[in-house]
């Protein structure tokens, strides 16, 4: 087979492969859009706020440093 024939065959295979990948990506985008629309339609409205203990007082820098130090000490104890 001549060099030009091999090059044309390679280009043809490349075009087929790129076309298949492009078609798959288009299909994937379409499926994701349909799923997004379905979720937006059937999902409940606003999520309920998380219930739990809420601290009303602002955390000071000293308290924050103490909490972080305690967390690091607890982590290091668990590793040894």
Protein backbone atom coordinates (compact mmCIF):
# COMPACT_ATOMS: atom_id res chain seq x y z
CA UNK A 1 0.00 0.00 0.00
CA UNK A 2 1.28 3.45 -0.85
CA UNK A 3 2.11 6.02 1.79
CA UNK A 4 -0.74 8.26 0.67
CA UNK A 5 -3.17 5.36 1.01
CA UNK A 6 -1.98 4.67 4.55
CA UNK A 7 -2.28 8.35 5.44
CA UNK A 8 -5.82 8.51 4.04
CA UNK A 9 -6.79 5.36 5.95
CA UNK A 10 -5.34 6.85 9.16
CA UNK A 11 -7.22 10.10 8.65
CA UNK A 12 -10.43 8.18 7.99
CA UNK A 13 -10.02 6.13 11.18
CA UNK A 14 -9.20 9.28 13.14
CA UNK A 15 -12.33 11.00 11.84
CA UNK A 16 -14.50 8.00 12.72
CA UNK A 17 -13.03 7.80 16.21
CA UNK A 18 -13.42 11.52 16.85
CA UNK A 19 -16.99 11.38 15.52
CA UNK A 20 -17.88 8.55 17.90
CA UNK A 21 -16.38 10.38 20.88
CA UNK A 22 -18.13 13.62 19.92
CA UNK A 23 -21.47 11.82 19.56
CA UNK A 24 -21.04 10.16 22.94
CA UNK A 25 -20.24 13.50 24.59
CA UNK A 26 -23.31 15.09 23.01
CA UNK A 27 -25.41 12.20 24.29
CA UNK A 28 -23.91 12.61 27.76
CA UNK A 29 -24.67 16.34 27.81
CA UNK A 30 -28.25 15.64 26.72
CA UNK A 31 -28.77 13.00 29.40
CA UNK A 32 -27.34 15.28 32.09
CA UNK A 33 -29.63 18.14 31.04
CA UNK A 34 -32.68 15.87 31.13
CA UNK A 35 -31.69 14.60 34.57
CA UNK A 36 -31.14 18.16 35.78
CA UNK A 37 -34.58 19.21 34.56
CA UNK A 38 -36.15 16.16 36.20
CA UNK A 39 -34.47 16.89 39.52
CA UNK A 40 -35.47 20.54 39.40
CA UNK A 41 -39.07 19.57 38.67
CA UNK A 42 -39.54 16.78 41.20
CA UNK A 43 -37.21 17.93 43.99
CA UNK A 44 -38.77 19.60 47.02
CA UNK A 45 -38.51 23.36 47.39
CA UNK A 46 -36.14 24.98 49.82
CA UNK A 47 -34.21 22.63 52.10
CA UNK A 48 -35.12 22.76 55.77
CA UNK A 49 -32.55 24.50 57.95
CA UNK A 50 -30.34 22.18 59.94
CA UNK A 51 -31.46 21.91 63.52
CA UNK A 52 -28.87 21.67 66.22
CA UNK A 53 -27.07 23.67 68.82
CA UNK A 54 -26.28 27.12 67.53
CA UNK A 55 -23.86 29.34 69.36
CA UNK A 56 -25.09 32.89 69.60
CA UNK A 57 -21.87 34.31 71.06
CA UNK A 58 -19.05 35.05 68.63
CA UNK A 59 -15.92 32.95 69.02
CA UNK A 60 -12.87 34.91 70.14
CA UNK A 61 -9.38 34.28 68.84
CA UNK A 62 -8.29 32.82 72.16
CA UNK A 63 -11.12 30.30 72.16
CA UNK A 64 -10.41 29.38 68.57
CA UNK A 65 -6.72 28.78 69.30
CA UNK A 66 -7.65 26.64 72.32
CA UNK A 67 -10.05 24.51 70.28
CA UNK A 68 -7.53 24.01 67.48
CA UNK A 69 -4.78 23.14 69.96
CA UNK A 70 -7.04 20.59 71.69
CA UNK A 71 -7.97 19.04 68.34
CA UNK A 72 -4.31 18.70 67.33
CA UNK A 73 -3.41 17.16 70.69
CA UNK A 74 -6.30 14.67 70.41
CA UNK A 75 -5.26 13.74 66.87
CA UNK A 76 -1.65 13.17 67.89
CA UNK A 77 -2.72 11.00 70.86
CA UNK A 78 -4.73 8.78 68.54
CA UNK A 79 -1.82 8.20 66.18
CA UNK A 80 0.64 6.94 68.83
